mmCIF file of all heavy atoms, coordinates in Angstrom:
data_MODEL
# 
_entry.id   MODEL 
# 
loop_
_atom_site.group_PDB 
_atom_site.id 
_atom_site.type_symbol 
_atom_site.label_atom_id 
_atom_site.label_alt_id 
_atom_site.label_comp_id 
_atom_site.label_asym_id 
_atom_site.label_entity_id 
_atom_site.label_seq_id 
_atom_site.pdbx_PDB_ins_code 
_atom_site.Cartn_x 
_atom_site.Cartn_y 
_atom_site.Cartn_z 
_atom_site.occupancy 
_atom_site.B_iso_or_equiv 
_atom_site.pdbx_formal_charge 
_atom_site.auth_seq_id 
_atom_site.auth_comp_id 
_atom_site.auth_asym_id 
_atom_site.auth_atom_id 
_atom_site.pdbx_PDB_model_num 
ATOM 1   N N   . LYS A 1 1  ? -5.865  -8.764  4.351  1.00 0.00 ? 1  LYS A N   1 
ATOM 2   C CA  . LYS A 1 1  ? -5.035  -9.545  5.216  1.00 0.00 ? 1  LYS A CA  1 
ATOM 3   C C   . LYS A 1 1  ? -5.430  -10.947 5.126  1.00 0.00 ? 1  LYS A C   1 
ATOM 4   O O   . LYS A 1 1  ? -6.648  -11.260 5.068  1.00 0.00 ? 1  LYS A O   1 
ATOM 5   C CB  . LYS A 1 1  ? -5.122  -9.043  6.687  1.00 0.00 ? 1  LYS A CB  1 
ATOM 6   C CG  . LYS A 1 1  ? -4.599  -7.654  6.849  1.00 0.00 ? 1  LYS A CG  1 
ATOM 7   C CD  . LYS A 1 1  ? -4.715  -7.207  8.330  1.00 0.00 ? 1  LYS A CD  1 
ATOM 8   C CE  . LYS A 1 1  ? -4.206  -5.778  8.466  1.00 0.00 ? 1  LYS A CE  1 
ATOM 9   N NZ  . LYS A 1 1  ? -4.515  -5.202  9.735  1.00 0.00 ? 1  LYS A NZ  1 
ATOM 10  N N   . GLU A 1 2  ? -4.468  -11.872 5.080  1.00 0.00 ? 2  GLU A N   1 
ATOM 11  C CA  . GLU A 1 2  ? -4.750  -13.307 5.035  1.00 0.00 ? 2  GLU A CA  1 
ATOM 12  C C   . GLU A 1 2  ? -4.916  -13.860 6.443  1.00 0.00 ? 2  GLU A C   1 
ATOM 13  O O   . GLU A 1 2  ? -4.183  -13.554 7.353  1.00 0.00 ? 2  GLU A O   1 
ATOM 14  C CB  . GLU A 1 2  ? -3.614  -14.059 4.314  1.00 0.00 ? 2  GLU A CB  1 
ATOM 15  C CG  . GLU A 1 2  ? -3.651  -13.931 2.839  1.00 0.00 ? 2  GLU A CG  1 
ATOM 16  C CD  . GLU A 1 2  ? -2.707  -14.865 2.156  1.00 0.00 ? 2  GLU A CD  1 
ATOM 17  O OE1 . GLU A 1 2  ? -2.036  -15.753 2.808  1.00 0.00 ? 2  GLU A OE1 1 
ATOM 18  O OE2 . GLU A 1 2  ? -2.518  -14.717 0.933  1.00 0.00 ? 2  GLU A OE2 1 
ATOM 19  N N   . TYR A 1 3  ? -5.924  -14.768 6.533  1.00 0.00 ? 3  TYR A N   1 
ATOM 20  C CA  . TYR A 1 3  ? -6.217  -15.442 7.820  1.00 0.00 ? 3  TYR A CA  1 
ATOM 21  C C   . TYR A 1 3  ? -6.183  -16.938 7.545  1.00 0.00 ? 3  TYR A C   1 
ATOM 22  O O   . TYR A 1 3  ? -6.742  -17.398 6.544  1.00 0.00 ? 3  TYR A O   1 
ATOM 23  C CB  . TYR A 1 3  ? -7.536  -15.024 8.411  1.00 0.00 ? 3  TYR A CB  1 
ATOM 24  C CG  . TYR A 1 3  ? -7.491  -13.599 8.989  1.00 0.00 ? 3  TYR A CG  1 
ATOM 25  C CD1 . TYR A 1 3  ? -7.569  -12.469 8.153  1.00 0.00 ? 3  TYR A CD1 1 
ATOM 26  C CD2 . TYR A 1 3  ? -7.383  -13.421 10.352 1.00 0.00 ? 3  TYR A CD2 1 
ATOM 27  C CE1 . TYR A 1 3  ? -7.454  -11.219 8.664  1.00 0.00 ? 3  TYR A CE1 1 
ATOM 28  C CE2 . TYR A 1 3  ? -7.348  -12.085 10.900 1.00 0.00 ? 3  TYR A CE2 1 
ATOM 29  C CZ  . TYR A 1 3  ? -7.382  -11.002 10.020 1.00 0.00 ? 3  TYR A CZ  1 
ATOM 30  O OH  . TYR A 1 3  ? -7.293  -9.752  10.523 1.00 0.00 ? 3  TYR A OH  1 
ATOM 31  N N   . HIS A 1 4  ? -5.594  -17.702 8.468  1.00 0.00 ? 4  HIS A N   1 
ATOM 32  C CA  . HIS A 1 4  ? -5.372  -19.102 8.327  1.00 0.00 ? 4  HIS A CA  1 
ATOM 33  C C   . HIS A 1 4  ? -6.177  -19.843 9.422  1.00 0.00 ? 4  HIS A C   1 
ATOM 34  O O   . HIS A 1 4  ? -6.626  -19.224 10.343 1.00 0.00 ? 4  HIS A O   1 
ATOM 35  C CB  . HIS A 1 4  ? -3.893  -19.456 8.452  1.00 0.00 ? 4  HIS A CB  1 
ATOM 36  C CG  . HIS A 1 4  ? -3.054  -18.812 7.373  1.00 0.00 ? 4  HIS A CG  1 
ATOM 37  N ND1 . HIS A 1 4  ? -2.515  -19.462 6.294  1.00 0.00 ? 4  HIS A ND1 1 
ATOM 38  C CD2 . HIS A 1 4  ? -2.671  -17.509 7.220  1.00 0.00 ? 4  HIS A CD2 1 
ATOM 39  C CE1 . HIS A 1 4  ? -1.874  -18.667 5.515  1.00 0.00 ? 4  HIS A CE1 1 
ATOM 40  N NE2 . HIS A 1 4  ? -1.936  -17.414 6.066  1.00 0.00 ? 4  HIS A NE2 1 
ATOM 41  N N   . PRO A 1 5  ? -6.311  -21.191 9.335  1.00 0.00 ? 5  PRO A N   1 
ATOM 42  C CA  . PRO A 1 5  ? -7.054  -21.927 10.332 1.00 0.00 ? 5  PRO A CA  1 
ATOM 43  C C   . PRO A 1 5  ? -6.536  -21.578 11.760 1.00 0.00 ? 5  PRO A C   1 
ATOM 44  O O   . PRO A 1 5  ? -5.339  -21.439 11.996 1.00 0.00 ? 5  PRO A O   1 
ATOM 45  C CB  . PRO A 1 5  ? -6.808  -23.400 9.969  1.00 0.00 ? 5  PRO A CB  1 
ATOM 46  C CG  . PRO A 1 5  ? -6.635  -23.333 8.477  1.00 0.00 ? 5  PRO A CG  1 
ATOM 47  C CD  . PRO A 1 5  ? -5.899  -22.025 8.198  1.00 0.00 ? 5  PRO A CD  1 
ATOM 48  N N   . THR A 1 6  ? -7.487  -21.421 12.608 1.00 0.00 ? 6  THR A N   1 
ATOM 49  C CA  . THR A 1 6  ? -7.370  -20.990 14.055 1.00 0.00 ? 6  THR A CA  1 
ATOM 50  C C   . THR A 1 6  ? -7.148  -19.485 14.242 1.00 0.00 ? 6  THR A C   1 
ATOM 51  O O   . THR A 1 6  ? -7.204  -18.946 15.338 1.00 0.00 ? 6  THR A O   1 
ATOM 52  C CB  . THR A 1 6  ? -6.284  -21.735 14.886 1.00 0.00 ? 6  THR A CB  1 
ATOM 53  O OG1 . THR A 1 6  ? -4.996  -21.336 14.466 1.00 0.00 ? 6  THR A OG1 1 
ATOM 54  C CG2 . THR A 1 6  ? -6.472  -23.265 14.715 1.00 0.00 ? 6  THR A CG2 1 
ATOM 55  N N   . ASP A 1 7  ? -6.923  -18.731 13.139 1.00 0.00 ? 7  ASP A N   1 
ATOM 56  C CA  . ASP A 1 7  ? -6.846  -17.260 13.224 1.00 0.00 ? 7  ASP A CA  1 
ATOM 57  C C   . ASP A 1 7  ? -8.219  -16.731 13.547 1.00 0.00 ? 7  ASP A C   1 
ATOM 58  O O   . ASP A 1 7  ? -9.263  -17.185 13.035 1.00 0.00 ? 7  ASP A O   1 
ATOM 59  C CB  . ASP A 1 7  ? -6.349  -16.597 11.962 1.00 0.00 ? 7  ASP A CB  1 
ATOM 60  C CG  . ASP A 1 7  ? -4.884  -16.838 11.718 1.00 0.00 ? 7  ASP A CG  1 
ATOM 61  O OD1 . ASP A 1 7  ? -4.168  -17.257 12.653 1.00 0.00 ? 7  ASP A OD1 1 
ATOM 62  O OD2 . ASP A 1 7  ? -4.450  -16.541 10.561 1.00 0.00 ? 7  ASP A OD2 1 
ATOM 63  N N   . GLN A 1 8  ? -8.263  -15.687 14.402 1.00 0.00 ? 8  GLN A N   1 
ATOM 64  C CA  . GLN A 1 8  ? -9.542  -15.108 14.869 1.00 0.00 ? 8  GLN A CA  1 
ATOM 65  C C   . GLN A 1 8  ? -9.475  -13.579 14.654 1.00 0.00 ? 8  GLN A C   1 
ATOM 66  O O   . GLN A 1 8  ? -8.441  -12.962 14.782 1.00 0.00 ? 8  GLN A O   1 
ATOM 67  C CB  . GLN A 1 8  ? -9.711  -15.429 16.369 1.00 0.00 ? 8  GLN A CB  1 
ATOM 68  C CG  . GLN A 1 8  ? -11.050 -15.077 16.910 1.00 0.00 ? 8  GLN A CG  1 
ATOM 69  C CD  . GLN A 1 8  ? -11.184 -15.489 18.349 1.00 0.00 ? 8  GLN A CD  1 
ATOM 70  O OE1 . GLN A 1 8  ? -11.093 -14.664 19.223 1.00 0.00 ? 8  GLN A OE1 1 
ATOM 71  N NE2 . GLN A 1 8  ? -11.348 -16.765 18.631 1.00 0.00 ? 8  GLN A NE2 1 
ATOM 72  N N   . ILE A 1 9  ? -10.649 -13.039 14.339 1.00 0.00 ? 9  ILE A N   1 
ATOM 73  C CA  . ILE A 1 9  ? -10.759 -11.579 14.190 1.00 0.00 ? 9  ILE A CA  1 
ATOM 74  C C   . ILE A 1 9  ? -12.069 -11.185 14.879 1.00 0.00 ? 9  ILE A C   1 
ATOM 75  O O   . ILE A 1 9  ? -13.084 -11.851 14.799 1.00 0.00 ? 9  ILE A O   1 
ATOM 76  C CB  . ILE A 1 9  ? -10.745 -11.109 12.735 1.00 0.00 ? 9  ILE A CB  1 
ATOM 77  C CG1 . ILE A 1 9  ? -10.829 -9.590  12.644 1.00 0.00 ? 9  ILE A CG1 1 
ATOM 78  C CG2 . ILE A 1 9  ? -11.878 -11.772 11.938 1.00 0.00 ? 9  ILE A CG2 1 
ATOM 79  C CD1 . ILE A 1 9  ? -10.502 -9.039  11.278 1.00 0.00 ? 9  ILE A CD1 1 
ATOM 80  N N   . LYS A 1 10 ? -11.989 -10.038 15.622 1.00 0.00 ? 10 LYS A N   1 
ATOM 81  C CA  . LYS A 1 10 ? -13.167 -9.476  16.282 1.00 0.00 ? 10 LYS A CA  1 
ATOM 82  C C   . LYS A 1 10 ? -13.518 -8.240  15.559 1.00 0.00 ? 10 LYS A C   1 
ATOM 83  O O   . LYS A 1 10 ? -12.687 -7.309  15.427 1.00 0.00 ? 10 LYS A O   1 
ATOM 84  C CB  . LYS A 1 10 ? -12.868 -9.177  17.760 1.00 0.00 ? 10 LYS A CB  1 
ATOM 85  C CG  . LYS A 1 10 ? -12.590 -10.449 18.546 1.00 0.00 ? 10 LYS A CG  1 
ATOM 86  C CD  . LYS A 1 10 ? -12.389 -10.250 20.005 1.00 0.00 ? 10 LYS A CD  1 
ATOM 87  C CE  . LYS A 1 10 ? -12.186 -11.559 20.724 1.00 0.00 ? 10 LYS A CE  1 
ATOM 88  N NZ  . LYS A 1 10 ? -11.894 -11.420 22.113 1.00 0.00 ? 10 LYS A NZ  1 
ATOM 89  N N   . LEU A 1 11 ? -14.752 -8.164  15.048 1.00 0.00 ? 11 LEU A N   1 
ATOM 90  C CA  . LEU A 1 11 ? -15.285 -6.971  14.335 1.00 0.00 ? 11 LEU A CA  1 
ATOM 91  C C   . LEU A 1 11 ? -16.196 -6.201  15.208 1.00 0.00 ? 11 LEU A C   1 
ATOM 92  O O   . LEU A 1 11 ? -17.165 -6.803  15.792 1.00 0.00 ? 11 LEU A O   1 
ATOM 93  C CB  . LEU A 1 11 ? -15.985 -7.487  13.063 1.00 0.00 ? 11 LEU A CB  1 
ATOM 94  C CG  . LEU A 1 11 ? -15.199 -8.369  12.135 1.00 0.00 ? 11 LEU A CG  1 
ATOM 95  C CD1 . LEU A 1 11 ? -16.055 -9.060  11.159 1.00 0.00 ? 11 LEU A CD1 1 
ATOM 96  C CD2 . LEU A 1 11 ? -14.132 -7.484  11.378 1.00 0.00 ? 11 LEU A CD2 1 
ATOM 97  N N   . GLN A 1 12 ? -15.932 -4.919  15.343 1.00 0.00 ? 12 GLN A N   1 
ATOM 98  C CA  . GLN A 1 12 ? -16.747 -4.084  16.253 1.00 0.00 ? 12 GLN A CA  1 
ATOM 99  C C   . GLN A 1 12 ? -18.040 -3.691  15.534 1.00 0.00 ? 12 GLN A C   1 
ATOM 100 O O   . GLN A 1 12 ? -18.124 -3.661  14.324 1.00 0.00 ? 12 GLN A O   1 
ATOM 101 C CB  . GLN A 1 12 ? -15.935 -2.844  16.658 1.00 0.00 ? 12 GLN A CB  1 
ATOM 102 C CG  . GLN A 1 12 ? -14.684 -3.165  17.372 1.00 0.00 ? 12 GLN A CG  1 
ATOM 103 C CD  . GLN A 1 12 ? -14.872 -4.022  18.598 1.00 0.00 ? 12 GLN A CD  1 
ATOM 104 O OE1 . GLN A 1 12 ? -15.706 -3.724  19.472 1.00 0.00 ? 12 GLN A OE1 1 
ATOM 105 N NE2 . GLN A 1 12 ? -14.079 -5.108  18.712 1.00 0.00 ? 12 GLN A NE2 1 
ATOM 106 N N   . GLN A 1 13 ? -19.038 -3.315  16.345 1.00 0.00 ? 13 GLN A N   1 
ATOM 107 C CA  . GLN A 1 13 ? -20.284 -2.805  15.772 1.00 0.00 ? 13 GLN A CA  1 
ATOM 108 C C   . GLN A 1 13 ? -19.909 -1.595  14.949 1.00 0.00 ? 13 GLN A C   1 
ATOM 109 O O   . GLN A 1 13 ? -19.157 -0.706  15.345 1.00 0.00 ? 13 GLN A O   1 
ATOM 110 C CB  . GLN A 1 13 ? -21.232 -2.383  16.908 1.00 0.00 ? 13 GLN A CB  1 
ATOM 111 C CG  . GLN A 1 13 ? -22.463 -1.679  16.470 1.00 0.00 ? 13 GLN A CG  1 
ATOM 112 C CD  . GLN A 1 13 ? -23.233 -1.092  17.619 1.00 0.00 ? 13 GLN A CD  1 
ATOM 113 O OE1 . GLN A 1 13 ? -22.975 -1.394  18.781 1.00 0.00 ? 13 GLN A OE1 1 
ATOM 114 N NE2 . GLN A 1 13 ? -24.177 -0.245  17.356 1.00 0.00 ? 13 GLN A NE2 1 
ATOM 115 N N   . GLY A 1 14 ? -20.427 -1.533  13.667 1.00 0.00 ? 14 GLY A N   1 
ATOM 116 C CA  . GLY A 1 14 ? -20.118 -0.390  12.784 1.00 0.00 ? 14 GLY A CA  1 
ATOM 117 C C   . GLY A 1 14 ? -18.865 -0.512  12.027 1.00 0.00 ? 14 GLY A C   1 
ATOM 118 O O   . GLY A 1 14 ? -18.671 0.282   11.041 1.00 0.00 ? 14 GLY A O   1 
ATOM 119 N N   . GLU A 1 15 ? -17.971 -1.446  12.345 1.00 0.00 ? 15 GLU A N   1 
ATOM 120 C CA  . GLU A 1 15 ? -16.719 -1.607  11.597 1.00 0.00 ? 15 GLU A CA  1 
ATOM 121 C C   . GLU A 1 15 ? -16.997 -2.241  10.245 1.00 0.00 ? 15 GLU A C   1 
ATOM 122 O O   . GLU A 1 15 ? -17.695 -3.232  10.115 1.00 0.00 ? 15 GLU A O   1 
ATOM 123 C CB  . GLU A 1 15 ? -15.796 -2.508  12.410 1.00 0.00 ? 15 GLU A CB  1 
ATOM 124 C CG  . GLU A 1 15 ? -14.420 -2.687  11.764 1.00 0.00 ? 15 GLU A CG  1 
ATOM 125 C CD  . GLU A 1 15 ? -13.464 -3.516  12.581 1.00 0.00 ? 15 GLU A CD  1 
ATOM 126 O OE1 . GLU A 1 15 ? -13.844 -4.045  13.624 1.00 0.00 ? 15 GLU A OE1 1 
ATOM 127 O OE2 . GLU A 1 15 ? -12.317 -3.620  12.193 1.00 0.00 ? 15 GLU A OE2 1 
ATOM 128 N N   . ARG A 1 16 ? -16.493 -1.609  9.177  1.00 0.00 ? 16 ARG A N   1 
ATOM 129 C CA  . ARG A 1 16 ? -16.706 -2.155  7.855  1.00 0.00 ? 16 ARG A CA  1 
ATOM 130 C C   . ARG A 1 16 ? -15.861 -3.374  7.681  1.00 0.00 ? 16 ARG A C   1 
ATOM 131 O O   . ARG A 1 16 ? -14.681 -3.443  8.185  1.00 0.00 ? 16 ARG A O   1 
ATOM 132 C CB  . ARG A 1 16 ? -16.314 -1.114  6.759  1.00 0.00 ? 16 ARG A CB  1 
ATOM 133 C CG  . ARG A 1 16 ? -17.352 -0.065  6.462  1.00 0.00 ? 16 ARG A CG  1 
ATOM 134 C CD  . ARG A 1 16 ? -17.665 0.798   7.627  1.00 0.00 ? 16 ARG A CD  1 
ATOM 135 N NE  . ARG A 1 16 ? -18.454 1.962   7.293  1.00 0.00 ? 16 ARG A NE  1 
ATOM 136 C CZ  . ARG A 1 16 ? -19.130 2.686   8.102  1.00 0.00 ? 16 ARG A CZ  1 
ATOM 137 N NH1 . ARG A 1 16 ? -19.151 2.390   9.370  1.00 0.00 ? 16 ARG A NH1 1 
ATOM 138 N NH2 . ARG A 1 16 ? -19.804 3.720   7.721  1.00 0.00 ? 16 ARG A NH2 1 
ATOM 139 N N   . HIS A 1 17 ? -16.403 -4.386  6.985  1.00 0.00 ? 17 HIS A N   1 
ATOM 140 C CA  . HIS A 1 17 ? -15.626 -5.622  6.799  1.00 0.00 ? 17 HIS A CA  1 
ATOM 141 C C   . HIS A 1 17 ? -16.090 -6.354  5.529  1.00 0.00 ? 17 HIS A C   1 
ATOM 142 O O   . HIS A 1 17 ? -17.191 -6.152  5.042  1.00 0.00 ? 17 HIS A O   1 
ATOM 143 C CB  . HIS A 1 17 ? -15.799 -6.555  7.990  1.00 0.00 ? 17 HIS A CB  1 
ATOM 144 C CG  . HIS A 1 17 ? -17.213 -6.851  8.355  1.00 0.00 ? 17 HIS A CG  1 
ATOM 145 N ND1 . HIS A 1 17 ? -17.998 -5.990  9.127  1.00 0.00 ? 17 HIS A ND1 1 
ATOM 146 C CD2 . HIS A 1 17 ? -17.992 -7.894  8.067  1.00 0.00 ? 17 HIS A CD2 1 
ATOM 147 C CE1 . HIS A 1 17 ? -19.218 -6.558  9.298  1.00 0.00 ? 17 HIS A CE1 1 
ATOM 148 N NE2 . HIS A 1 17 ? -19.233 -7.671  8.626  1.00 0.00 ? 17 HIS A NE2 1 
ATOM 149 N N   . ARG A 1 18 ? -15.179 -7.184  5.022  1.00 0.00 ? 18 ARG A N   1 
ATOM 150 C CA  . ARG A 1 18 ? -15.483 -8.017  3.855  1.00 0.00 ? 18 ARG A CA  1 
ATOM 151 C C   . ARG A 1 18 ? -14.649 -9.300  3.936  1.00 0.00 ? 18 ARG A C   1 
ATOM 152 O O   . ARG A 1 18 ? -13.461 -9.260  4.202  1.00 0.00 ? 18 ARG A O   1 
ATOM 153 C CB  . ARG A 1 18 ? -15.026 -7.273  2.584  1.00 0.00 ? 18 ARG A CB  1 
ATOM 154 C CG  . ARG A 1 18 ? -15.090 -8.089  1.324  1.00 0.00 ? 18 ARG A CG  1 
ATOM 155 C CD  . ARG A 1 18 ? -14.813 -7.277  0.091  1.00 0.00 ? 18 ARG A CD  1 
ATOM 156 N NE  . ARG A 1 18 ? -16.113 -6.982  -0.494 1.00 0.00 ? 18 ARG A NE  1 
ATOM 157 C CZ  . ARG A 1 18 ? -16.306 -6.007  -1.338 1.00 0.00 ? 18 ARG A CZ  1 
ATOM 158 N NH1 . ARG A 1 18 ? -15.343 -5.196  -1.711 1.00 0.00 ? 18 ARG A NH1 1 
ATOM 159 N NH2 . ARG A 1 18 ? -17.522 -5.789  -1.864 1.00 0.00 ? 18 ARG A NH2 1 
ATOM 160 N N   . LEU A 1 19 ? -15.334 -10.436 3.810  1.00 0.00 ? 19 LEU A N   1 
ATOM 161 C CA  . LEU A 1 19 ? -14.711 -11.729 3.747  1.00 0.00 ? 19 LEU A CA  1 
ATOM 162 C C   . LEU A 1 19 ? -14.514 -12.122 2.312  1.00 0.00 ? 19 LEU A C   1 
ATOM 163 O O   . LEU A 1 19 ? -15.401 -11.946 1.532  1.00 0.00 ? 19 LEU A O   1 
ATOM 164 C CB  . LEU A 1 19 ? -15.601 -12.750 4.470  1.00 0.00 ? 19 LEU A CB  1 
ATOM 165 C CG  . LEU A 1 19 ? -15.135 -14.204 4.504  1.00 0.00 ? 19 LEU A CG  1 
ATOM 166 C CD1 . LEU A 1 19 ? -13.796 -14.362 5.266  1.00 0.00 ? 19 LEU A CD1 1 
ATOM 167 C CD2 . LEU A 1 19 ? -16.255 -15.101 5.150  1.00 0.00 ? 19 LEU A CD2 1 
ATOM 168 N N   . ILE A 1 20 ? -13.328 -12.630 2.037  1.00 0.00 ? 20 ILE A N   1 
ATOM 169 C CA  . ILE A 1 20 ? -12.927 -12.880 0.632  1.00 0.00 ? 20 ILE A CA  1 
ATOM 170 C C   . ILE A 1 20 ? -12.404 -14.320 0.502  1.00 0.00 ? 20 ILE A C   1 
ATOM 171 O O   . ILE A 1 20 ? -11.487 -14.682 1.240  1.00 0.00 ? 20 ILE A O   1 
ATOM 172 C CB  . ILE A 1 20 ? -11.872 -11.855 0.145  1.00 0.00 ? 20 ILE A CB  1 
ATOM 173 C CG1 . ILE A 1 20 ? -12.470 -10.457 0.257  1.00 0.00 ? 20 ILE A CG1 1 
ATOM 174 C CG2 . ILE A 1 20 ? -11.471 -12.162 -1.263 1.00 0.00 ? 20 ILE A CG2 1 
ATOM 175 C CD1 . ILE A 1 20 ? -11.456 -9.362  0.145  1.00 0.00 ? 20 ILE A CD1 1 
ATOM 176 N N   . GLY A 1 21 ? -12.912 -15.098 -0.440 1.00 0.00 ? 21 GLY A N   1 
ATOM 177 C CA  . GLY A 1 21 ? -12.369 -16.399 -0.740 1.00 0.00 ? 21 GLY A CA  1 
ATOM 178 C C   . GLY A 1 21 ? -11.076 -16.185 -1.569 1.00 0.00 ? 21 GLY A C   1 
ATOM 179 O O   . GLY A 1 21 ? -11.068 -15.351 -2.497 1.00 0.00 ? 21 GLY A O   1 
ATOM 180 N N   . LEU A 1 22 ? -10.057 -16.945 -1.293 1.00 0.00 ? 22 LEU A N   1 
ATOM 181 C CA  . LEU A 1 22 ? -8.824  -16.816 -1.991 1.00 0.00 ? 22 LEU A CA  1 
ATOM 182 C C   . LEU A 1 22 ? -8.676  -18.009 -2.954 1.00 0.00 ? 22 LEU A C   1 
ATOM 183 O O   . LEU A 1 22 ? -9.534  -18.166 -3.818 1.00 0.00 ? 22 LEU A O   1 
ATOM 184 C CB  . LEU A 1 22 ? -7.665  -16.709 -1.061 1.00 0.00 ? 22 LEU A CB  1 
ATOM 185 C CG  . LEU A 1 22 ? -7.705  -15.440 -0.120 1.00 0.00 ? 22 LEU A CG  1 
ATOM 186 C CD1 . LEU A 1 22 ? -6.564  -15.389 0.847  1.00 0.00 ? 22 LEU A CD1 1 
ATOM 187 C CD2 . LEU A 1 22 ? -7.733  -14.135 -0.956 1.00 0.00 ? 22 LEU A CD2 1 
ATOM 188 N N   . ASP A 1 23 ? -7.707  -18.863 -2.858 1.00 0.00 ? 23 ASP A N   1 
ATOM 189 C CA  . ASP A 1 23 ? -7.449  -19.909 -3.831 1.00 0.00 ? 23 ASP A CA  1 
ATOM 190 C C   . ASP A 1 23 ? -8.446  -21.073 -3.713 1.00 0.00 ? 23 ASP A C   1 
ATOM 191 O O   . ASP A 1 23 ? -8.831  -21.680 -4.729 1.00 0.00 ? 23 ASP A O   1 
ATOM 192 C CB  . ASP A 1 23 ? -6.026  -20.443 -3.702 1.00 0.00 ? 23 ASP A CB  1 
ATOM 193 C CG  . ASP A 1 23 ? -4.987  -19.403 -4.083 1.00 0.00 ? 23 ASP A CG  1 
ATOM 194 O OD1 . ASP A 1 23 ? -5.313  -18.519 -4.864 1.00 0.00 ? 23 ASP A OD1 1 
ATOM 195 O OD2 . ASP A 1 23 ? -3.885  -19.457 -3.544 1.00 0.00 ? 23 ASP A OD2 1 
ATOM 196 N N   . GLY A 1 24 ? -8.829  -21.442 -2.472 1.00 0.00 ? 24 GLY A N   1 
ATOM 197 C CA  . GLY A 1 24 ? -9.719  -22.540 -2.283 1.00 0.00 ? 24 GLY A CA  1 
ATOM 198 C C   . GLY A 1 24 ? -10.932 -22.087 -1.429 1.00 0.00 ? 24 GLY A C   1 
ATOM 199 O O   . GLY A 1 24 ? -11.039 -20.902 -1.055 1.00 0.00 ? 24 GLY A O   1 
# 
C-alpha cells in the first residue's frame, strides 16, 4: 500500500511489517 505525506499507520505488537522506498 502506498502512503503519502501526513498518512499515518499504527502497527500492533507482533504485526509483521515492511517499509519500502519507492521512486524517491
